[in-house]
Protein backbone atom coordinates (compact mmCIF):
# COMPACT_ATOMS: atom_id res chain seq x y z
CA UNK A 1 19.44 -7.85 21.35
CA UNK A 2 18.03 -9.38 18.16
CA UNK A 3 17.14 -7.21 15.22
CA UNK A 4 13.36 -6.79 15.16
CA UNK A 5 11.06 -5.28 12.55
CA UNK A 6 7.84 -4.02 14.15
CA UNK A 7 5.00 -3.89 11.63
CA UNK A 8 2.05 -1.60 12.40
CA UNK A 9 -0.78 -2.13 9.95
CA UNK A 10 -4.44 -1.26 9.67
CA UNK A 11 -7.09 0.03 7.26
CA UNK A 12 -6.96 3.44 5.66
CA UNK A 13 -8.04 6.27 7.97
CA UNK A 14 -7.67 4.27 11.17
CA UNK A 15 -4.90 6.43 12.67
CA UNK A 16 -1.66 4.61 11.84
CA UNK A 17 0.40 7.74 11.23
CA UNK A 18 0.01 9.34 14.65
CA UNK A 19 0.45 6.05 16.50
CA UNK A 20 3.48 5.03 14.45
CA UNK A 21 5.22 8.30 15.29
CA UNK A 22 4.44 7.93 18.99
CA UNK A 23 5.80 4.37 18.95
CA UNK A 24 8.90 5.33 16.98
CA UNK A 25 9.63 8.14 19.46
CA UNK A 26 9.14 5.73 22.36
CA UNK A 27 11.45 3.08 20.90
CA UNK A 28 13.79 5.65 19.30
CA UNK A 29 13.66 4.02 15.89
CA UNK A 30 13.13 4.97 12.25
CA UNK A 31 9.92 4.44 10.27
CA UNK A 32 9.68 2.64 6.93
CA UNK A 33 6.54 3.52 4.99
CA UNK A 34 4.63 0.56 3.54
CA UNK A 35 2.01 2.70 1.82
CA UNK A 36 2.69 2.11 -1.87
CA UNK A 37 1.04 5.38 -2.95
CA UNK A 38 3.06 7.53 -0.54
CA UNK A 39 6.13 6.52 -2.55
CA UNK A 40 5.23 9.10 -5.21
CA UNK A 41 6.25 12.71 -4.63
CA UNK A 42 3.41 14.16 -6.72
CA UNK A 43 0.69 12.47 -4.64
CA UNK A 44 0.80 14.11 -1.23
CA UNK A 45 -2.73 15.17 -0.34
CA UNK A 46 -4.58 12.19 -1.77
CA UNK A 47 -2.33 9.67 -0.03
CA UNK A 48 -2.32 11.41 3.38
CA UNK A 49 1.45 11.81 3.49
CA UNK A 50 2.62 12.76 7.02
CA UNK A 51 2.87 16.51 7.57
CA UNK A 52 6.26 18.27 7.63
CA UNK A 53 5.95 18.49 11.42
CA UNK A 54 5.31 14.75 11.69
CA UNK A 55 8.20 13.96 9.35
CA UNK A 56 10.49 16.15 11.43
CA UNK A 57 9.77 14.17 14.61
CA UNK A 58 10.95 10.81 13.25
CA UNK A 59 13.14 9.79 10.32
CA UNK A 60 10.91 8.29 7.61
CA UNK A 61 11.99 6.19 4.64
CA UNK A 62 10.23 5.42 1.33
CA UNK A 63 8.08 8.55 1.22
CA UNK A 64 8.15 10.72 -1.91
CA UNK A 65 11.21 9.02 -3.38
CA UNK A 66 9.67 8.24 -6.78
CA UNK A 67 7.87 10.06 -9.58
CA UNK A 68 4.52 8.72 -10.76
CA UNK A 69 6.31 8.11 -14.08
CA UNK A 70 8.68 5.63 -12.44
CA UNK A 71 8.01 1.90 -12.50
CA UNK A 72 7.97 0.25 -9.09
CA UNK A 73 6.67 -3.01 -7.65
CA UNK A 74 6.43 -5.07 -4.49
CA UNK A 75 9.47 -7.09 -5.52
CA UNK A 76 11.56 -3.92 -5.98
CA UNK A 77 10.30 -2.67 -2.62
CA UNK A 78 11.34 -5.94 -0.99
CA UNK A 79 14.81 -5.59 -2.50
CA UNK A 80 15.20 -1.95 -1.45
CA UNK A 81 13.95 -2.43 2.11
CA UNK A 82 16.19 -5.46 2.66
CA UNK A 83 19.14 -3.40 1.45
CA UNK A 84 18.29 -0.56 3.82
CA UNK A 85 17.55 -2.55 6.98
CA UNK A 86 21.16 -3.52 7.88
CA UNK A 87 22.20 0.14 8.14
CA UNK A 88 19.13 0.93 10.28
CA UNK A 89 19.68 -2.08 12.53
CA UNK A 90 23.31 -1.03 12.97
CA UNK A 91 22.03 2.08 14.78
CA UNK A 92 19.05 0.51 16.56
CA UNK A 93 17.96 -3.15 16.67
CA UNK A 94 14.35 -1.95 16.30
CA UNK A 95 12.79 -0.59 13.11
CA UNK A 96 9.11 0.25 12.63
CA UNK A 97 7.30 -0.39 9.35
CA UNK A 98 3.81 1.02 8.92
CA UNK A 99 1.28 1.23 6.14
CA UNK A 100 -1.73 -0.31 4.52
CA UNK A 101 -0.29 -2.06 1.46
CA UNK A 102 -0.58 -5.70 2.47
CA UNK A 103 1.29 -7.08 -0.54
CA UNK A 104 4.28 -4.83 0.13
CA UNK A 105 4.34 -5.69 3.84
CA UNK A 106 4.20 -9.39 3.05
CA UNK A 107 7.01 -8.99 0.51
CA UNK A 108 9.36 -7.71 3.21
CA UNK A 109 8.23 -10.05 6.01
CA UNK A 110 7.85 -13.27 4.04
CA UNK A 111 9.33 -12.71 0.61
CA UNK A 112 7.68 -12.48 -2.76
CA UNK A 113 7.81 -14.77 -5.75
CA UNK A 114 10.68 -14.16 -8.15
CA UNK A 115 8.76 -12.64 -11.03
CA UNK A 116 10.80 -11.40 -14.00
CA UNK A 117 10.94 -7.77 -15.04
CA UNK A 118 8.95 -6.86 -18.12
CA UNK A 119 9.24 -4.49 -21.03
CA UNK A 120 7.50 -1.25 -20.06
CA UNK A 121 6.15 -0.95 -23.60
CA UNK A 122 4.04 -4.03 -22.91
CA UNK A 123 2.68 -2.48 -19.72
CA UNK A 124 1.82 0.74 -21.56
CA UNK A 125 0.00 -1.27 -24.20
CA UNK A 126 -2.31 -2.87 -21.64
CA UNK A 127 -2.83 0.39 -19.78
CA UNK A 128 -3.91 1.95 -23.07
CA UNK A 129 -6.18 -1.02 -23.75
CA UNK A 130 -7.78 -0.53 -20.36
CA UNK A 131 -8.33 3.19 -21.02
CA UNK A 132 -9.87 2.60 -24.44
CA UNK A 133 -11.83 -0.62 -23.91
CA UNK A 134 -12.38 -0.87 -20.16
CA UNK A 135 -11.64 -3.62 -17.68
CA UNK A 136 -13.86 -6.27 -19.25
CA UNK A 137 -11.54 -6.65 -22.26
CA UNK A 138 -8.63 -7.26 -19.88
CA UNK A 139 -10.64 -9.85 -17.95
CA UNK A 140 -11.48 -11.77 -21.13
CA UNK A 141 -7.85 -11.82 -22.20
CA UNK A 142 -6.65 -12.96 -18.78
CA UNK A 143 -9.24 -15.74 -18.71
CA UNK A 144 -7.84 -17.01 -22.00
CA UNK A 145 -4.12 -16.66 -21.11
CA UNK A 146 -4.18 -17.69 -17.45
CA UNK A 147 -7.46 -19.26 -16.28
CA UNK A 148 -5.88 -20.30 -12.96
CA UNK A 149 -5.00 -16.75 -11.96
CA UNK A 150 -8.31 -15.50 -13.35
CA UNK A 151 -10.11 -17.54 -10.68
CA UNK A 152 -7.99 -15.97 -7.89
CA UNK A 153 -7.46 -12.34 -8.85
CA UNK A 154 -9.62 -9.41 -7.77
CA UNK A 155 -11.39 -8.86 -11.09
CA UNK A 156 -12.18 -5.28 -10.09
CA UNK A 157 -8.48 -4.40 -9.80
CA UNK A 158 -7.05 -3.40 -13.20
CA UNK A 159 -3.51 -3.09 -11.79
CA UNK A 160 -3.41 -6.78 -10.85
CA UNK A 161 -4.90 -7.87 -14.16
CA UNK A 162 -2.50 -5.72 -16.20
CA UNK A 163 0.45 -7.07 -14.20
CA UNK A 164 -0.59 -10.65 -14.97
CA UNK A 165 -1.09 -9.93 -18.66
CA UNK A 166 2.29 -8.26 -19.07
CA UNK A 167 3.99 -11.26 -17.41
CA UNK A 168 2.09 -13.67 -19.64
CA UNK A 169 3.16 -11.81 -22.78
CA UNK A 170 6.75 -11.18 -21.68
CA UNK A 171 7.54 -14.74 -20.61
CA UNK A 172 5.18 -16.86 -22.65
CA UNK A 173 4.09 -18.53 -19.41
CA UNK A 174 0.98 -18.05 -17.24
CA UNK A 175 1.48 -15.57 -14.42
CA UNK A 176 0.18 -18.19 -11.97
CA UNK A 177 3.19 -20.39 -12.79
CA UNK A 178 5.43 -17.92 -10.94
CA UNK A 179 3.28 -17.79 -7.78
CA UNK A 180 4.87 -20.43 -5.56
CA UNK A 181 4.27 -18.56 -2.26
CA UNK A 182 7.46 -20.03 -0.78
CA UNK A 183 8.34 -18.08 2.36
CA UNK A 184 11.87 -16.69 2.40
CA UNK A 185 14.09 -16.79 5.50
CA UNK A 186 14.84 -13.46 7.18
CA UNK A 187 17.74 -12.56 9.48
CA UNK A 188 15.48 -10.46 11.70
CA UNK A 189 12.41 -11.11 13.81
CA UNK A 190 9.01 -9.66 12.91
CA UNK A 191 6.30 -8.47 15.30
CA UNK A 192 3.00 -7.71 13.58
CA UNK A 193 0.36 -5.56 15.25
CA UNK A 194 -2.85 -4.32 13.69
CA UNK A 195 -5.16 -1.52 14.76
CA UNK A 196 -8.82 -1.11 13.97
CA UNK A 197 -11.95 0.76 15.04
CA UNK A 198 -15.66 -0.07 15.08
CA UNK A 199 -16.87 0.05 11.49
CA UNK A 200 -19.17 3.07 11.91
CA UNK A 201 -16.40 5.03 13.60
CA UNK A 202 -13.85 4.04 10.95
CA UNK A 203 -16.15 4.97 8.08
CA UNK A 204 -16.92 8.31 9.72
CA UNK A 205 -13.20 9.05 9.96
CA UNK A 206 -12.72 8.10 6.30
CA UNK A 207 -15.55 10.41 5.19
CA UNK A 208 -14.18 13.32 7.24
CA UNK A 209 -10.68 12.75 5.92
CA UNK A 210 -11.91 12.95 2.34
CA UNK A 211 -13.56 16.29 3.14
CA UNK A 212 -10.29 17.47 4.69
CA UNK A 213 -8.35 16.40 1.59
CA UNK A 214 -10.72 18.32 -0.66
CA UNK A 215 -10.34 21.38 1.56
CA UNK A 216 -6.56 20.98 1.48
CA UNK A 217 -6.44 21.10 -2.33
CA UNK A 218 -6.85 17.55 -3.61
CA UNK A 219 -8.67 18.82 -6.69
CA UNK A 220 -5.72 21.01 -7.68
CA UNK A 221 -3.28 18.17 -7.04
CA UNK A 222 -5.33 15.80 -9.21
CA UNK A 223 -5.75 18.42 -11.94
CA UNK A 224 -1.96 18.80 -12.18
CA UNK A 225 -1.75 15.06 -12.78
CA UNK A 226 -4.71 14.78 -15.17
CA UNK A 227 -2.55 14.60 -18.30
CA UNK A 228 -0.78 11.55 -16.79
CA UNK A 229 -4.00 9.77 -15.83
CA UNK A 230 -3.13 6.60 -17.78
CA UNK A 231 -0.11 5.91 -15.55
CA UNK A 232 -0.53 2.97 -13.20
CA UNK A 233 0.39 4.90 -10.04
CA UNK A 234 -2.54 7.26 -10.60
CA UNK A 235 -5.08 4.47 -10.75
CA UNK A 236 -5.77 5.23 -7.10
CA UNK A 237 -8.75 6.23 -5.00
CA UNK A 238 -9.03 10.00 -4.84
CA UNK A 239 -7.54 10.53 -8.28
CA UNK A 240 -9.52 8.28 -10.63
CA UNK A 241 -12.80 9.74 -9.39
CA UNK A 242 -11.62 13.32 -9.91
CA UNK A 243 -10.30 12.41 -13.35
CA UNK A 244 -13.83 11.27 -14.18
CA UNK A 245 -15.11 14.65 -12.99
CA UNK A 246 -12.52 16.54 -15.06
CA UNK A 247 -13.63 14.48 -18.07
CA UNK A 248 -17.23 15.67 -17.44
CA UNK A 249 -18.47 12.12 -16.92
CA UNK A 250 -19.68 12.83 -13.38
CA UNK A 251 -20.31 15.89 -11.22
CA UNK A 252 -17.97 17.21 -8.55
CA UNK A 253 -20.37 16.07 -5.83
CA UNK A 254 -20.55 12.60 -7.34
CA UNK A 255 -16.74 12.42 -7.47
CA UNK A 256 -16.42 13.29 -3.79
CA UNK A 257 -19.10 10.77 -2.90
CA UNK A 258 -17.32 8.08 -4.89
CA UNK A 259 -14.00 8.85 -3.22
CA UNK A 260 -15.65 8.28 0.16
CA UNK A 261 -17.37 5.10 -0.97
CA UNK A 262 -14.29 3.66 -2.65
CA UNK A 263 -12.11 4.53 0.35
CA UNK A 264 -14.51 2.63 2.60
CA UNK A 265 -14.45 -0.33 0.22
CA UNK A 266 -10.66 -0.22 0.17
CA UNK A 267 -10.61 -0.37 3.98
CA UNK A 268 -12.79 -3.50 3.88
CA UNK A 269 -10.47 -5.15 1.32
CA UNK A 270 -7.46 -4.37 3.50
CA UNK A 271 -9.08 -6.03 6.50
CA UNK A 272 -10.04 -9.06 4.40
CA UNK A 273 -6.38 -9.41 3.33
CA UNK A 274 -5.10 -9.34 6.91
CA UNK A 275 -7.79 -11.55 8.40
CA UNK A 276 -5.97 -14.56 6.96
CA UNK A 277 -2.80 -13.73 8.92
CA UNK A 278 -2.94 -15.34 12.38
CA UNK A 279 0.35 -13.75 13.44
CA UNK A 280 -1.17 -10.27 13.73
CA UNK A 281 -2.07 -9.09 17.24
CA UNK A 282 -5.03 -6.72 16.97
CA UNK A 283 -5.73 -3.68 19.16
CA UNK A 284 -8.08 -0.73 19.24
CA UNK A 285 -6.55 2.27 17.52
CA UNK A 286 -6.61 4.30 20.74
CA UNK A 287 -4.94 1.65 22.92
CA UNK A 288 -1.45 3.14 22.74
CA UNK A 289 -0.46 2.11 26.26
CA UNK A 290 -1.57 -1.49 25.74
CA UNK A 291 0.25 -1.62 22.40
CA UNK A 292 3.45 -0.21 23.88
CA UNK A 293 3.33 -2.70 26.74
CA UNK A 294 2.67 -5.60 24.35
CA UNK A 295 5.58 -4.60 22.13
CA UNK A 296 7.94 -4.18 25.06
CA UNK A 297 7.07 -7.66 26.33
CA UNK A 298 7.46 -9.22 22.88
CA UNK A 299 10.79 -7.48 22.31
CA UNK A 300 12.09 -8.71 25.67
CA UNK A 301 10.84 -12.22 24.96
CA UNK A 302 12.52 -12.37 21.55
CA UNK A 303 15.77 -11.00 22.96
CA UNK A 304 16.13 -13.58 25.73
């Protein structure tokens, strides 16, 4: 049987965790998390890390293995997952990857451009610039240093802009010069499946989940991290809004409302990212039997 990586993706709040565990139990395989914020051990509530009971049912990898103070990237994730997969495939030719971080999923499935490491002092400088001057100053600088990437990047995403600026400064070359998008060969097959729900239902689930996170102690978790708020990992929905509340810029009610709104917007961006990928087979989030049957047929087909 060929080695096969099953990728289960979908927008935030859609129900990936429960389904991924059911599928992993069915196929008796491990789970690799592709949720880039679940990598950090200090961010449990706000990133909807699986519960201890869920983690006990199936072996998970890449959850809580970093500190928010650690530097990590999609290219490092690609390297680490590719190093891990041979040992997992040696036990079972099937491995399940699940998450909502499209860039990280693509890095493992297709490869990512070979972008050089940078001096962390340069990153800190741009993070500080963002904190003191706001995102517009970063946009202006990027437009001057790399107008090609400026036309492509999400100008509302400070992480992407800061990454480009640090590469520009570290290498003396535009960040766009490194983006060749050349797909890398893999020695395993990939089956991509996506799950979704009607928009009103999905947004309702997202709103309820935010309320559940607040009830579970998200405020306390964010308050413990407030002194580290300039760190890139904490520039995440659920934390930045509460940091604004702690800084007395908005009310608690406004912060919670913004977390819900920004989570819904994030879900829409995730779906926009994946809509360009014609290799994803889409299902309703509650169609477990159909998904299991589809995967079984695909696995048999690839193994013939």
